[in-house]
Amino acid sequence: MKNIYVLLAGESTSQFGNNLFDIAIMWYLYRLTDNSTTIGLISGTFNALVVLNVLTGYLADRFPKTKVMMTIDGLQAVLMGVATYLYYGFALNIWTLVGVAFIAKILGTVFDPAENALIPQIVPADQLQRVNSMNQGVKVCAQLVGMLAGGSLVAFVSLADFVLINGLTFLVSLGCIVIVHKRVGHAEQVSVEQVQTRDWYAGLAYVYHNPMLRTLILLAVIVNMVIGPVLGLNIIWTRGTLHASAVVYSLAQALFIIGVVAGSILINFVKTTFKTKLLLALTTMTVAVTFMVLTHSIGTTLIAMMVIGMAGGFVNVSLFTLIQLKTPGELLGRVNGAMMSCTNISMPIGIALGGVITRYVGIATVFIIGSAITLVALLAMSRVTLNEA
């Protein structure tokens, strides 16, 4: 377990730096363009890069995972160093801003499948759920701290300073992964040499031919699409419907993140099947959204956002753990990549569709439609048998 603690220490540090970087990028992008359409297109493009996980998961299976992660952290540190030089040199324009962020996002799509595929190699099977909950909890906490620090400092600290800090956090992460690599590198090399399947699309094929994974990913796609607007369009609900302040909006977002952490911890105390956990979590999420809409209350909204986060923590930890347990080691990188591509891209699509529909039927109706679709999906899910043995 020592290896996972070292890995999490590095990941929490780089996650903190990444969130500082993301907030600074969007802040300065708005200052440079003052154009919501441009910002929306760029932000949407960044989010759409998750589809590259289908390809980048192949690298996690084809090469030792720690080597992939060390390479990416090294490249990220170099990129941030170059960006710091450019921004301190006042070469700050939309091209250098978007270009650096775009390259950083692409590199990130290579790192994540490798990390998810590494965890089962350094953690006993009976500890996977606990470690996945720790991993998610640490990342979300680092994200929350990064958001709060970035939001507080962005008006006073230059972009070059943010980028420099981000580069230093990648060096910390690199150092931690080097330690893990020295401990497990030989075993990783042996595992890679045993891989027979070289096709980049093998992860998609495996998911397609595995009824359980196919069902779970389809459900995750549906839920992300219909629940996505609750998260992405919460500002419309808070300001337009509740007529609440920006403080309430920020508090709601923070409570969602706190809920994810709480859900990641609580799942370790719920001793039941994955299917039961999934149905319980998503039913609770649906009830919370419905109750929030029906009451039109600030208090209920804050509680609902925390409950939605807790349900999300339950689902994510359970899903990652089950995939790690049921997927052959030589395919784990590509299967993780396929899952991340399908599930992550569905949320921005849902937010975009929800934004369009809101113009015609109102935000409350969009939330209720999403809850109804989720409920139908859950009823269908209840009839599906999952082979969890």
Protein backbone atom coordinates (compact mmCIF):
# COMPACT_ATOMS: atom_id res chain seq x y z
CA MET A 1 0.00 0.00 0.00
CA LYS A 2 3.01 2.32 0.34
CA ASN A 3 3.14 2.71 -3.44
CA ILE A 4 -0.42 3.99 -3.64
CA TYR A 5 0.23 6.58 -0.93
CA VAL A 6 3.22 7.89 -2.87
CA LEU A 7 1.17 7.95 -6.08
CA LEU A 8 -1.72 9.80 -4.42
CA ALA A 9 0.66 12.36 -2.92
CA GLY A 10 1.96 13.23 -6.36
CA GLU A 11 -1.47 13.20 -7.97
CA SER A 12 -3.06 15.46 -5.38
CA THR A 13 -0.25 17.98 -5.88
CA SER A 14 -0.55 18.05 -9.68
CA GLN A 15 -4.36 18.12 -9.44
CA PHE A 16 -4.12 21.24 -7.28
CA GLY A 17 -1.81 22.88 -9.81
CA ASN A 18 -4.04 21.90 -12.71
CA ASN A 19 -7.08 23.54 -11.16
CA LEU A 20 -5.15 26.74 -10.51
CA PHE A 21 -4.08 26.62 -14.15
CA ASP A 22 -7.61 25.96 -15.48
CA ILE A 23 -9.14 28.85 -13.53
CA ALA A 24 -6.38 31.23 -14.62
CA ILE A 25 -6.69 30.19 -18.27
CA MET A 26 -10.45 30.85 -18.39
CA TRP A 27 -10.06 34.15 -16.51
CA TYR A 28 -7.42 35.48 -18.87
CA LEU A 29 -9.23 34.10 -21.89
CA TYR A 30 -12.26 36.15 -20.94
CA ARG A 31 -10.08 39.23 -20.43
CA LEU A 32 -8.49 38.78 -23.88
CA THR A 33 -11.67 38.05 -25.85
CA ASP A 34 -14.65 39.31 -23.81
CA ASN A 35 -16.67 37.02 -26.07
CA SER A 36 -18.89 34.33 -24.58
CA THR A 37 -19.23 32.48 -27.90
CA THR A 38 -15.46 32.16 -28.29
CA ILE A 39 -15.08 31.02 -24.69
CA GLY A 40 -17.89 28.48 -25.11
CA LEU A 41 -16.34 27.02 -28.27
CA ILE A 42 -12.89 26.76 -26.73
CA SER A 43 -14.21 25.27 -23.49
CA GLY A 44 -16.33 22.78 -25.45
CA THR A 45 -13.32 21.76 -27.54
CA PHE A 46 -11.25 21.18 -24.42
CA ASN A 47 -14.00 18.97 -22.95
CA ALA A 48 -14.38 17.05 -26.20
CA LEU A 49 -10.73 15.95 -26.04
CA VAL A 50 -11.79 13.14 -23.69
CA VAL A 51 -12.67 11.09 -26.79
CA LEU A 52 -8.91 10.69 -27.28
CA ASN A 53 -8.94 8.31 -24.30
CA VAL A 54 -10.01 5.59 -26.74
CA LEU A 55 -6.60 5.96 -28.38
CA THR A 56 -4.48 6.93 -25.39
CA GLY A 57 -5.65 3.90 -23.40
CA TYR A 58 -3.68 1.84 -25.90
CA LEU A 59 -0.43 3.41 -24.69
CA ALA A 60 -1.21 2.30 -21.14
CA ASP A 61 -1.40 -1.32 -22.33
CA ARG A 62 1.43 -1.17 -24.85
CA PHE A 63 4.06 0.36 -22.53
CA PRO A 64 4.82 0.22 -18.78
CA LYS A 65 2.28 2.50 -17.15
CA THR A 66 4.71 4.27 -14.84
CA LYS A 67 6.93 5.10 -17.83
CA VAL A 68 3.94 6.57 -19.65
CA MET A 69 3.03 8.63 -16.60
CA MET A 70 6.61 9.82 -16.03
CA THR A 71 6.88 10.86 -19.68
CA ILE A 72 3.65 12.84 -19.53
CA ASP A 73 4.51 14.58 -16.26
CA GLY A 74 7.92 15.47 -17.69
CA LEU A 75 6.38 16.88 -20.87
CA GLN A 76 3.81 18.82 -18.83
CA ALA A 77 6.58 20.36 -16.71
CA VAL A 78 8.53 21.35 -19.85
CA LEU A 79 5.37 22.80 -21.42
CA MET A 80 4.65 24.86 -18.32
CA GLY A 81 8.27 26.04 -18.27
CA VAL A 82 8.04 27.23 -21.88
CA ALA A 83 4.67 28.90 -21.16
CA THR A 84 6.13 30.67 -18.12
CA TYR A 85 8.93 32.05 -20.27
CA LEU A 86 6.45 33.21 -22.93
CA TYR A 87 4.04 34.81 -20.48
CA TYR A 88 6.74 36.54 -18.46
CA GLY A 89 8.03 37.81 -21.80
CA PHE A 90 4.60 39.33 -22.43
CA ALA A 91 3.85 36.97 -25.35
CA LEU A 92 0.36 36.62 -23.91
CA ASN A 93 -2.30 36.42 -26.59
CA ILE A 94 -5.17 34.13 -27.46
CA TRP A 95 -2.92 31.87 -29.56
CA THR A 96 -0.30 31.22 -26.88
CA LEU A 97 -3.02 30.95 -24.24
CA VAL A 98 -5.19 28.42 -26.08
CA GLY A 99 -2.21 26.61 -27.58
CA VAL A 100 -0.60 25.84 -24.22
CA ALA A 101 -3.94 24.80 -22.67
CA PHE A 102 -4.76 22.61 -25.67
CA ILE A 103 -1.46 20.72 -25.52
CA ALA A 104 -1.81 20.31 -21.73
CA LYS A 105 -5.31 18.83 -22.14
CA ILE A 106 -4.11 16.35 -24.77
CA LEU A 107 -1.26 15.21 -22.52
CA GLY A 108 -3.78 14.76 -19.71
CA THR A 109 -5.79 12.30 -21.81
CA VAL A 110 -2.71 10.06 -21.97
CA PHE A 111 -2.06 10.16 -18.22
CA ASP A 112 -5.48 9.22 -16.82
CA PRO A 113 -5.98 5.76 -18.45
CA ALA A 114 -2.43 4.80 -17.45
CA GLU A 115 -3.08 5.73 -13.82
CA ASN A 116 -6.39 3.86 -13.68
CA ALA A 117 -4.74 0.77 -15.20
CA LEU A 118 -1.76 0.98 -12.82
CA ILE A 119 -3.79 0.89 -9.62
CA PRO A 120 -4.84 -2.81 -9.90
CA GLN A 121 -1.18 -3.72 -10.44
CA ILE A 122 0.00 -2.20 -7.17
CA VAL A 123 -3.06 -2.81 -4.98
CA PRO A 124 -4.51 -6.15 -3.77
CA ALA A 125 -7.92 -6.96 -5.26
CA ASP A 126 -9.66 -6.83 -1.87
CA GLN A 127 -8.37 -3.26 -1.36
CA LEU A 128 -9.38 -1.86 -4.77
CA GLN A 129 -12.64 -0.25 -3.66
CA ARG A 130 -10.95 1.41 -0.69
CA VAL A 131 -8.08 2.70 -2.84
CA ASN A 132 -10.43 3.95 -5.59
CA SER A 133 -12.44 5.83 -2.98
CA MET A 134 -9.22 7.35 -1.61
CA ASN A 135 -8.08 8.25 -5.11
CA GLN A 136 -11.34 10.00 -5.99
CA GLY A 137 -11.56 11.71 -2.62
CA VAL A 138 -8.01 13.05 -2.77
CA LYS A 139 -8.46 14.34 -6.32
CA VAL A 140 -11.73 16.07 -5.53
CA CYS A 141 -10.30 17.66 -2.38
CA ALA A 142 -7.32 18.93 -4.38
CA GLN A 143 -9.75 20.23 -6.99
CA LEU A 144 -11.76 22.08 -4.34
CA VAL A 145 -8.66 23.65 -2.78
CA GLY A 146 -7.35 24.57 -6.22
CA MET A 147 -10.64 26.18 -7.19
CA LEU A 148 -10.82 28.21 -3.99
CA ALA A 149 -7.18 29.29 -4.17
CA GLY A 150 -7.42 30.09 -7.87
CA GLY A 151 -10.60 32.08 -7.47
CA SER A 152 -9.05 34.07 -4.64
CA LEU A 153 -5.71 34.80 -6.33
CA VAL A 154 -6.53 35.15 -10.01
CA ALA A 155 -7.26 38.86 -9.78
CA PHE A 156 -3.92 39.55 -8.10
CA VAL A 157 -1.45 36.98 -9.49
CA SER A 158 -0.16 36.92 -13.07
CA LEU A 159 -0.87 34.02 -15.41
CA ALA A 160 2.88 33.35 -15.63
CA ASP A 161 2.95 32.76 -11.87
CA PHE A 162 0.03 30.32 -12.08
CA VAL A 163 1.72 28.43 -14.90
CA LEU A 164 5.02 28.29 -12.99
CA ILE A 165 3.26 26.83 -9.95
CA ASN A 166 1.55 24.26 -12.15
CA GLY A 167 4.90 23.24 -13.65
CA LEU A 168 6.39 22.76 -10.18
CA THR A 169 3.47 20.52 -9.15
CA PHE A 170 4.11 18.32 -12.18
CA LEU A 171 7.73 17.93 -11.05
CA VAL A 172 6.49 16.80 -7.63
CA SER A 173 4.19 14.28 -9.31
CA LEU A 174 7.05 13.11 -11.53
CA GLY A 175 9.23 12.51 -8.48
CA CYS A 176 6.53 10.42 -6.82
CA ILE A 177 5.99 8.29 -9.92
CA VAL A 178 9.75 7.73 -10.23
CA ILE A 179 9.66 6.25 -6.72
CA VAL A 180 6.77 3.95 -7.65
CA HIS A 181 8.49 2.97 -10.90
CA LYS A 182 11.65 1.88 -9.07
CA ARG A 183 9.52 -0.42 -6.93
CA VAL A 184 7.24 -1.96 -9.59
CA GLY A 185 8.99 -1.25 -12.90
CA HIS A 186 10.30 -4.78 -13.44
CA ALA A 187 6.89 -6.36 -12.83
CA GLU A 188 5.34 -3.85 -15.23
CA GLN A 189 7.84 -4.72 -17.96
CA VAL A 190 7.05 -8.43 -17.62
CA SER A 191 3.31 -7.66 -17.79
CA VAL A 192 3.72 -5.57 -20.96
CA GLU A 193 5.79 -8.27 -22.67
CA GLN A 194 2.93 -10.71 -22.12
CA VAL A 195 0.40 -8.51 -23.93
CA GLN A 196 -0.69 -10.16 -27.15
CA THR A 197 -3.42 -7.84 -28.43
CA ARG A 198 -1.98 -4.76 -30.13
CA ASP A 199 -5.13 -3.20 -31.60
CA TRP A 200 -5.94 0.25 -30.27
CA TYR A 201 -9.68 -0.45 -30.55
CA ALA A 202 -9.55 -3.66 -28.50
CA GLY A 203 -11.00 -1.82 -25.48
CA LEU A 204 -14.09 -0.76 -27.42
CA ALA A 205 -14.46 -4.28 -28.81
CA TYR A 206 -14.16 -5.82 -25.35
CA VAL A 207 -16.81 -3.48 -23.93
CA TYR A 208 -19.11 -4.15 -26.89
CA HIS A 209 -18.90 -7.92 -26.46
CA ASN A 210 -19.19 -7.83 -22.66
CA PRO A 211 -22.90 -7.45 -21.75
CA MET A 212 -22.20 -6.21 -18.22
CA LEU A 213 -19.73 -3.49 -19.21
CA ARG A 214 -21.87 -2.51 -22.20
CA THR A 215 -24.89 -2.06 -19.94
CA LEU A 216 -22.99 -0.10 -17.30
CA ILE A 217 -21.37 2.30 -19.75
CA LEU A 218 -24.66 2.86 -21.57
CA LEU A 219 -26.32 3.68 -18.26
CA ALA A 220 -23.47 6.03 -17.33
CA VAL A 221 -23.80 7.83 -20.67
CA ILE A 222 -27.54 8.30 -20.20
CA VAL A 223 -27.20 9.51 -16.61
CA ASN A 224 -24.38 11.93 -17.47
CA MET A 225 -26.39 13.41 -20.31
CA VAL A 226 -29.54 13.99 -18.26
CA ILE A 227 -27.91 14.94 -14.94
CA GLY A 228 -25.22 17.05 -16.62
CA PRO A 229 -27.55 20.07 -16.96
CA VAL A 230 -28.13 20.05 -13.19
CA LEU A 231 -24.42 20.71 -12.73
CA GLY A 232 -23.60 22.75 -15.81
CA LEU A 233 -26.73 24.92 -15.76
CA ASN A 234 -26.99 25.35 -12.01
CA ILE A 235 -26.12 29.02 -12.42
CA ILE A 236 -29.38 29.51 -14.35
CA TRP A 237 -31.35 27.77 -11.62
CA THR A 238 -29.63 29.72 -8.83
CA ARG A 239 -29.75 33.16 -10.39
CA GLY A 240 -32.79 32.94 -12.66
CA THR A 241 -35.19 30.78 -10.64
CA LEU A 242 -34.12 31.22 -7.02
CA HIS A 243 -32.88 34.81 -7.53
CA ALA A 244 -30.02 33.95 -5.20
CA SER A 245 -26.58 35.53 -4.97
CA ALA A 246 -23.26 34.37 -6.38
CA VAL A 247 -22.38 33.21 -2.86
CA VAL A 248 -25.22 30.67 -2.99
CA TYR A 249 -24.05 29.46 -6.40
CA SER A 250 -20.47 29.02 -5.16
CA LEU A 251 -21.70 27.26 -2.03
CA ALA A 252 -23.81 24.87 -4.11
CA GLN A 253 -20.79 23.97 -6.26
CA ALA A 254 -18.62 23.47 -3.18
CA LEU A 255 -21.26 21.28 -1.51
CA PHE A 256 -21.41 19.11 -4.63
CA ILE A 257 -17.66 18.51 -4.39
CA ILE A 258 -17.90 17.84 -0.64
CA GLY A 259 -20.67 15.37 -1.43
CA VAL A 260 -18.42 13.50 -3.86
CA VAL A 261 -15.78 13.16 -1.14
CA ALA A 262 -18.38 11.99 1.39
CA GLY A 263 -19.79 9.45 -1.07
CA SER A 264 -16.31 8.14 -1.80
CA ILE A 265 -15.80 7.49 1.91
CA LEU A 266 -19.26 6.15 2.75
CA ILE A 267 -19.22 3.51 0.01
CA ASN A 268 -16.64 1.56 2.02
CA PHE A 269 -19.24 1.04 4.75
CA VAL A 270 -22.05 -0.16 2.45
CA LYS A 271 -21.82 -3.94 2.19
CA THR A 272 -24.04 -4.97 -0.69
CA THR A 273 -23.83 -5.80 -4.40
CA PHE A 274 -22.64 -3.31 -6.98
CA LYS A 275 -26.05 -3.38 -8.67
CA THR A 276 -27.78 -2.47 -5.42
CA LYS A 277 -25.31 0.36 -4.78
CA LEU A 278 -25.87 1.67 -8.28
CA LEU A 279 -29.66 1.58 -8.08
CA LEU A 280 -29.65 3.12 -4.59
CA ALA A 281 -27.30 5.94 -5.56
CA LEU A 282 -29.05 6.90 -8.78
CA THR A 283 -32.51 6.66 -7.25
CA THR A 284 -31.36 8.99 -4.48
CA MET A 285 -29.94 11.37 -7.09
CA THR A 286 -33.25 11.41 -8.97
CA VAL A 287 -35.25 12.07 -5.80
CA ALA A 288 -32.90 14.91 -4.81
CA VAL A 289 -33.27 16.67 -8.18
CA THR A 290 -37.05 16.27 -8.15
CA PHE A 291 -37.37 17.56 -4.59
CA MET A 292 -35.14 20.53 -5.45
CA VAL A 293 -37.35 21.50 -8.38
CA LEU A 294 -40.63 21.06 -6.51
CA THR A 295 -39.61 23.13 -3.47
CA HIS A 296 -37.82 26.07 -5.19
CA SER A 297 -35.84 26.59 -2.00
CA ILE A 298 -32.25 27.71 -1.50
CA GLY A 299 -31.84 25.32 1.41
CA THR A 300 -33.22 22.38 -0.53
CA THR A 301 -31.00 23.23 -3.49
CA LEU A 302 -27.89 23.19 -1.32
CA ILE A 303 -28.86 19.87 0.24
CA ALA A 304 -29.73 18.40 -3.16
CA MET A 305 -26.38 19.37 -4.65
CA MET A 306 -24.56 17.63 -1.82
CA VAL A 307 -26.73 14.51 -2.18
CA ILE A 308 -26.12 14.45 -5.95
CA GLY A 309 -22.38 14.63 -5.26
CA MET A 310 -22.58 11.76 -2.78
CA ALA A 311 -24.44 9.62 -5.30
CA GLY A 312 -21.85 10.46 -7.92
CA GLY A 313 -19.05 9.39 -5.56
CA PHE A 314 -20.82 6.08 -4.96
CA VAL A 315 -21.26 5.39 -8.67
CA ASN A 316 -17.75 6.37 -9.77
CA VAL A 317 -15.92 4.31 -7.16
CA SER A 318 -18.12 1.28 -7.75
CA LEU A 319 -17.83 1.48 -11.52
CA PHE A 320 -14.04 1.84 -11.59
CA THR A 321 -13.62 -0.98 -9.08
CA LEU A 322 -15.85 -3.38 -11.00
CA ILE A 323 -14.11 -2.63 -14.30
CA GLN A 324 -10.69 -3.17 -12.72
CA LEU A 325 -11.80 -6.51 -11.29
CA LYS A 326 -13.51 -7.80 -14.44
CA THR A 327 -11.12 -6.64 -17.16
CA PRO A 328 -8.01 -8.63 -18.18
CA GLY A 329 -4.87 -6.74 -17.20
CA GLU A 330 -3.59 -6.51 -20.79
CA LEU A 331 -6.78 -4.68 -21.83
CA LEU A 332 -7.34 -2.51 -18.78
CA GLY A 333 -5.82 0.68 -20.23
CA ARG A 334 -7.93 0.50 -23.39
CA VAL A 335 -11.13 -0.46 -21.55
CA ASN A 336 -10.61 2.43 -19.13
CA GLY A 337 -9.97 4.72 -22.09
CA ALA A 338 -13.16 3.58 -23.81
CA MET A 339 -15.19 4.05 -20.64
CA MET A 340 -13.78 7.52 -19.95
CA SER A 341 -14.37 8.63 -23.53
CA CYS A 342 -17.98 7.49 -23.64
CA THR A 343 -19.03 8.68 -20.20
CA ASN A 344 -17.15 11.99 -20.05
CA ILE A 345 -18.18 13.25 -23.49
CA SER A 346 -21.84 12.66 -22.70
CA MET A 347 -21.95 15.29 -19.93
CA PRO A 348 -20.99 18.33 -22.06
CA ILE A 349 -23.41 17.07 -24.72
CA GLY A 350 -26.15 16.94 -22.10
CA ILE A 351 -25.29 20.42 -20.86
CA ALA A 352 -25.38 21.80 -24.40
CA LEU A 353 -28.73 20.15 -25.17
CA GLY A 354 -30.12 21.24 -21.82
CA GLY A 355 -29.08 24.82 -22.53
CA VAL A 356 -30.94 24.78 -25.85
CA ILE A 357 -34.08 23.17 -24.43
CA THR A 358 -34.11 25.54 -21.45
CA ARG A 359 -34.75 28.45 -23.81
CA TYR A 360 -38.13 26.92 -24.73
CA VAL A 361 -39.40 25.06 -21.66
CA GLY A 362 -37.50 26.51 -18.68
CA ILE A 363 -34.77 25.10 -16.48
CA ALA A 364 -37.14 23.37 -14.04
CA THR A 365 -38.72 21.33 -16.85
CA VAL A 366 -35.26 20.32 -18.11
CA PHE A 367 -34.35 19.06 -14.64
CA ILE A 368 -37.59 17.08 -14.34
CA ILE A 369 -37.17 15.55 -17.82
CA GLY A 370 -33.65 14.47 -16.85
CA SER A 371 -34.89 12.86 -13.66
CA ALA A 372 -37.66 11.04 -15.52
CA ILE A 373 -35.25 9.65 -18.12
CA THR A 374 -32.88 8.53 -15.35
CA LEU A 375 -35.75 6.78 -13.59
CA VAL A 376 -36.71 4.92 -16.77
CA ALA A 377 -33.07 3.86 -17.24
CA LEU A 378 -32.95 2.63 -13.66
CA LEU A 379 -36.11 0.56 -14.11
CA ALA A 380 -34.53 -1.04 -17.16
CA MET A 381 -31.32 -1.59 -15.19
CA SER A 382 -33.18 -3.36 -12.39
CA ARG A 383 -34.12 -6.10 -14.87
CA VAL A 384 -30.55 -6.68 -16.01
CA THR A 385 -28.48 -9.39 -14.33
CA LEU A 386 -24.89 -8.38 -13.58
CA ASN A 387 -22.29 -11.10 -13.18
CA GLU A 388 -20.41 -9.74 -10.19
CA ALA A 389 -18.99 -13.04 -8.96
